[in-house]
Amino acid sequence: MRSCLVVDDSSVIRKVARRILEGMQFEITEAEDGEQALGACQRQLPDAILLDWNMPKMDGYEFLKALRRLPGGDRPIVVSCTTENDVAHIARALHAGANEYIMKPFDREIVAAKFEEVGLM
């Protein structure tokens, strides 16, 4: 079974994402900030990461830079998940190493389409 790390400081978003991704046959782990997510990745890299961009302690940008420096850190497919919709913000995420992005709020259809685009489905 494929694995996905859901990283978001909102427990509601994590719960919604978990429900959607489990329905898509992913095994889910959760982290509420970038520091927790980095620790999880140091223990075991997931196949995919659904990554919130605005979080306390370590935001999505800092997490993504640190992830990509880990041994094998180039392998996980990272889908940035944000409320920010300006082109500069999206470009920054992609430049930092995100493979794709989705806007909040999202639903199963949106997540499935983006995961298919990046080869996870």
C-alpha atoms as a PDB file:
ATOM      1  CA  MET A   1       0.000   0.000   0.000  1.00  0.00           C
ATOM      2  CA  ARG A   2       1.252   3.483  -0.823  1.00  0.00           C
ATOM      3  CA  SER A   3       1.901   5.878   2.044  1.00  0.00           C
ATOM      4  CA  CYS A   4       1.059   9.550   2.425  1.00  0.00           C
ATOM      5  CA  LEU A   5       2.107  11.982   5.136  1.00  0.00           C
ATOM      6  CA  VAL A   6      -0.553  14.642   5.742  1.00  0.00           C
ATOM      7  CA  VAL A   7       1.013  17.789   7.194  1.00  0.00           C
ATOM      8  CA  ASP A   8      -1.335  20.524   8.422  1.00  0.00           C
ATOM      9  CA  ASP A   9      -1.747  22.476  11.655  1.00  0.00           C
ATOM     10  CA  SER A  10      -5.532  22.108  11.363  1.00  0.00           C
ATOM     11  CA  SER A  11      -6.846  18.842  12.805  1.00  0.00           C
ATOM     12  CA  VAL A  12     -10.000  19.281  10.680  1.00  0.00           C
ATOM     13  CA  ILE A  13      -7.978  19.465   7.439  1.00  0.00           C
ATOM     14  CA  ARG A  14      -5.921  16.439   8.499  1.00  0.00           C
ATOM     15  CA  LYS A  15      -9.114  14.490   9.225  1.00  0.00           C
ATOM     16  CA  VAL A  16     -10.680  15.407   5.856  1.00  0.00           C
ATOM     17  CA  ALA A  17      -7.455  14.593   3.984  1.00  0.00           C
ATOM     18  CA  ARG A  18      -7.112  11.284   5.843  1.00  0.00           C
ATOM     19  CA  ARG A  19     -10.649  10.245   4.892  1.00  0.00           C
ATOM     20  CA  ILE A  20     -10.095  11.158   1.228  1.00  0.00           C
ATOM     21  CA  LEU A  21      -6.675   9.515   0.947  1.00  0.00           C
ATOM     22  CA  GLU A  22      -7.640   6.331   2.793  1.00  0.00           C
ATOM     23  CA  GLY A  23     -10.481   6.034   0.289  1.00  0.00           C
ATOM     24  CA  MET A  24      -7.803   6.234  -2.416  1.00  0.00           C
ATOM     25  CA  GLN A  25      -5.955   3.291  -0.780  1.00  0.00           C
ATOM     26  CA  PHE A  26      -3.180   5.284   0.939  1.00  0.00           C
ATOM     27  CA  GLU A  27      -1.800   4.450   4.370  1.00  0.00           C
ATOM     28  CA  ILE A  28      -1.803   7.767   6.271  1.00  0.00           C
ATOM     29  CA  THR A  29       0.473   9.303   8.857  1.00  0.00           C
ATOM     30  CA  GLU A  30      -0.083  12.812  10.176  1.00  0.00           C
ATOM     31  CA  ALA A  31       2.001  15.742  11.392  1.00  0.00           C
ATOM     32  CA  GLU A  32       0.765  19.096  12.664  1.00  0.00           C
ATOM     33  CA  ASP A  33       3.817  21.131  11.648  1.00  0.00           C
ATOM     34  CA  GLY A  34       6.973  20.938   9.589  1.00  0.00           C
ATOM     35  CA  GLU A  35       9.155  19.845  12.513  1.00  0.00           C
ATOM     36  CA  GLN A  36       6.968  16.812  13.204  1.00  0.00           C
ATOM     37  CA  ALA A  37       6.823  16.062   9.476  1.00  0.00           C
ATOM     38  CA  LEU A  38      10.601  16.202   9.126  1.00  0.00           C
ATOM     39  CA  GLY A  39      10.979  13.797  12.056  1.00  0.00           C
ATOM     40  CA  ALA A  40       8.505  11.411  10.432  1.00  0.00           C
ATOM     41  CA  CYS A  41      10.429  11.583   7.152  1.00  0.00           C
ATOM     42  CA  GLN A  42      13.734  10.942   8.907  1.00  0.00           C
ATOM     43  CA  ARG A  43      12.223   7.744  10.331  1.00  0.00           C
ATOM     44  CA  GLN A  44      10.609   6.615   7.060  1.00  0.00           C
ATOM     45  CA  LEU A  45      10.021   8.472   3.822  1.00  0.00           C
ATOM     46  CA  PRO A  46       6.446   8.295   2.528  1.00  0.00           C
ATOM     47  CA  ASP A  47       5.499   7.906  -1.124  1.00  0.00           C
ATOM     48  CA  ALA A  48       3.564  11.190  -1.019  1.00  0.00           C
ATOM     49  CA  ILE A  49       3.204  14.264   1.177  1.00  0.00           C
ATOM     50  CA  LEU A  50       0.172  16.553   1.283  1.00  0.00           C
ATOM     51  CA  LEU A  51       1.802  19.680   2.696  1.00  0.00           C
ATOM     52  CA  ASP A  52       0.196  22.758   4.213  1.00  0.00           C
ATOM     53  CA  TRP A  53       2.197  25.886   3.484  1.00  0.00           C
ATOM     54  CA  ASN A  54       1.369  28.147   6.446  1.00  0.00           C
ATOM     55  CA  MET A  55       2.185  26.426   9.750  1.00  0.00           C
ATOM     56  CA  PRO A  56       3.813  27.328  13.076  1.00  0.00           C
ATOM     57  CA  LYS A  57       7.326  26.162  14.075  1.00  0.00           C
ATOM     58  CA  MET A  58       8.409  25.173  10.546  1.00  0.00           C
ATOM     59  CA  ASP A  59       6.345  26.230   7.539  1.00  0.00           C
ATOM     60  CA  GLY A  60       5.922  24.259   4.329  1.00  0.00           C
ATOM     61  CA  TYR A  61       8.740  26.101   2.565  1.00  0.00           C
ATOM     62  CA  GLU A  62      11.318  25.346   5.278  1.00  0.00           C
ATOM     63  CA  PHE A  63      10.111  21.754   5.578  1.00  0.00           C
ATOM     64  CA  LEU A  64      10.353  21.197   1.833  1.00  0.00           C
ATOM     65  CA  LYS A  65      13.907  22.546   1.665  1.00  0.00           C
ATOM     66  CA  ALA A  66      14.929  20.289   4.567  1.00  0.00           C
ATOM     67  CA  LEU A  67      13.126  17.259   3.085  1.00  0.00           C
ATOM     68  CA  ARG A  68      14.864  17.571  -0.262  1.00  0.00           C
ATOM     69  CA  ARG A  69      18.272  17.589   1.525  1.00  0.00           C
ATOM     70  CA  LEU A  70      17.588  14.256   3.278  1.00  0.00           C
ATOM     71  CA  PRO A  71      19.023  11.056   1.788  1.00  0.00           C
ATOM     72  CA  GLY A  72      16.267   9.927  -0.575  1.00  0.00           C
ATOM     73  CA  GLY A  73      14.379  13.167   0.110  1.00  0.00           C
ATOM     74  CA  ASP A  74      13.968  13.741  -3.610  1.00  0.00           C
ATOM     75  CA  ARG A  75      11.683  10.687  -3.903  1.00  0.00           C
ATOM     76  CA  PRO A  76       8.441  11.657  -2.141  1.00  0.00           C
ATOM     77  CA  ILE A  77       5.882  13.376  -4.344  1.00  0.00           C
ATOM     78  CA  VAL A  78       4.916  16.610  -2.576  1.00  0.00           C
ATOM     79  CA  VAL A  79       1.587  18.302  -3.198  1.00  0.00           C
ATOM     80  CA  SER A  80       1.463  21.711  -1.561  1.00  0.00           C
ATOM     81  CA  CYS A  81      -1.902  22.579  -0.076  1.00  0.00           C
ATOM     82  CA  THR A  82      -2.640  26.266   0.498  1.00  0.00           C
ATOM     83  CA  THR A  83      -5.161  29.061   0.637  1.00  0.00           C
ATOM     84  CA  GLU A  84      -2.678  31.329  -1.177  1.00  0.00           C
ATOM     85  CA  ASN A  85      -3.535  31.680  -4.856  1.00  0.00           C
ATOM     86  CA  ASP A  86      -1.090  34.272  -6.174  1.00  0.00           C
ATOM     87  CA  VAL A  87       1.325  33.138  -8.877  1.00  0.00           C
ATOM     88  CA  ALA A  88       4.442  34.152  -6.899  1.00  0.00           C
ATOM     89  CA  HIS A  89       3.415  31.966  -3.966  1.00  0.00           C
ATOM     90  CA  ILE A  90       2.764  28.958  -6.213  1.00  0.00           C
ATOM     91  CA  ALA A  91       6.049  29.503  -8.056  1.00  0.00           C
ATOM     92  CA  ARG A  92       7.925  29.622  -4.725  1.00  0.00           C
ATOM     93  CA  ALA A  93       6.411  26.271  -3.703  1.00  0.00           C
ATOM     94  CA  LEU A  94       7.297  24.640  -7.016  1.00  0.00           C
ATOM     95  CA  HIS A  95      10.802  26.144  -6.967  1.00  0.00           C
ATOM     96  CA  ALA A  96      11.347  24.777  -3.434  1.00  0.00           C
ATOM     97  CA  GLY A  97      10.580  21.274  -4.682  1.00  0.00           C
ATOM     98  CA  ALA A  98       6.814  20.785  -4.616  1.00  0.00           C
ATOM     99  CA  ASN A  99       5.585  18.614  -7.470  1.00  0.00           C
ATOM    100  CA  GLU A 100       2.111  20.110  -7.601  1.00  0.00           C
ATOM    101  CA  TYR A 101      -0.299  22.197  -5.540  1.00  0.00           C
ATOM    102  CA  ILE A 102      -3.959  22.291  -4.598  1.00  0.00           C
ATOM    103  CA  MET A 103      -6.066  25.065  -3.162  1.00  0.00           C
ATOM    104  CA  LYS A 104      -8.050  24.859   0.071  1.00  0.00           C
ATOM    105  CA  PRO A 105     -10.790  23.953   0.429  1.00  0.00           C
ATOM    106  CA  PHE A 106     -10.395  20.712  -1.509  1.00  0.00           C
ATOM    107  CA  ASP A 107     -12.465  17.591  -2.064  1.00  0.00           C
ATOM    108  CA  ARG A 108     -11.830  14.023  -3.215  1.00  0.00           C
ATOM    109  CA  GLU A 109     -12.154  14.925  -6.873  1.00  0.00           C
ATOM    110  CA  ILE A 110      -9.471  17.642  -6.645  1.00  0.00           C
ATOM    111  CA  VAL A 111      -7.049  15.483  -4.638  1.00  0.00           C
ATOM    112  CA  ALA A 112      -7.534  12.506  -6.973  1.00  0.00           C
ATOM    113  CA  ALA A 113      -6.955  14.667 -10.065  1.00  0.00           C
ATOM    114  CA  LYS A 114      -3.719  16.166  -8.683  1.00  0.00           C
ATOM    115  CA  PHE A 115      -2.433  12.805  -7.455  1.00  0.00           C
ATOM    116  CA  GLU A 116      -3.146  11.351 -10.891  1.00  0.00           C
ATOM    117  CA  GLU A 117      -1.257  14.251 -12.549  1.00  0.00           C
ATOM    118  CA  VAL A 118       1.874  13.438 -10.534  1.00  0.00           C
ATOM    119  CA  GLY A 119       1.644   9.682 -11.122  1.00  0.00           C
ATOM    120  CA  LEU A 120       0.332   8.544  -7.745  1.00  0.00           C
ATOM    121  CA  MET A 121      -2.868   6.989  -9.110  1.00  0.00           C
END
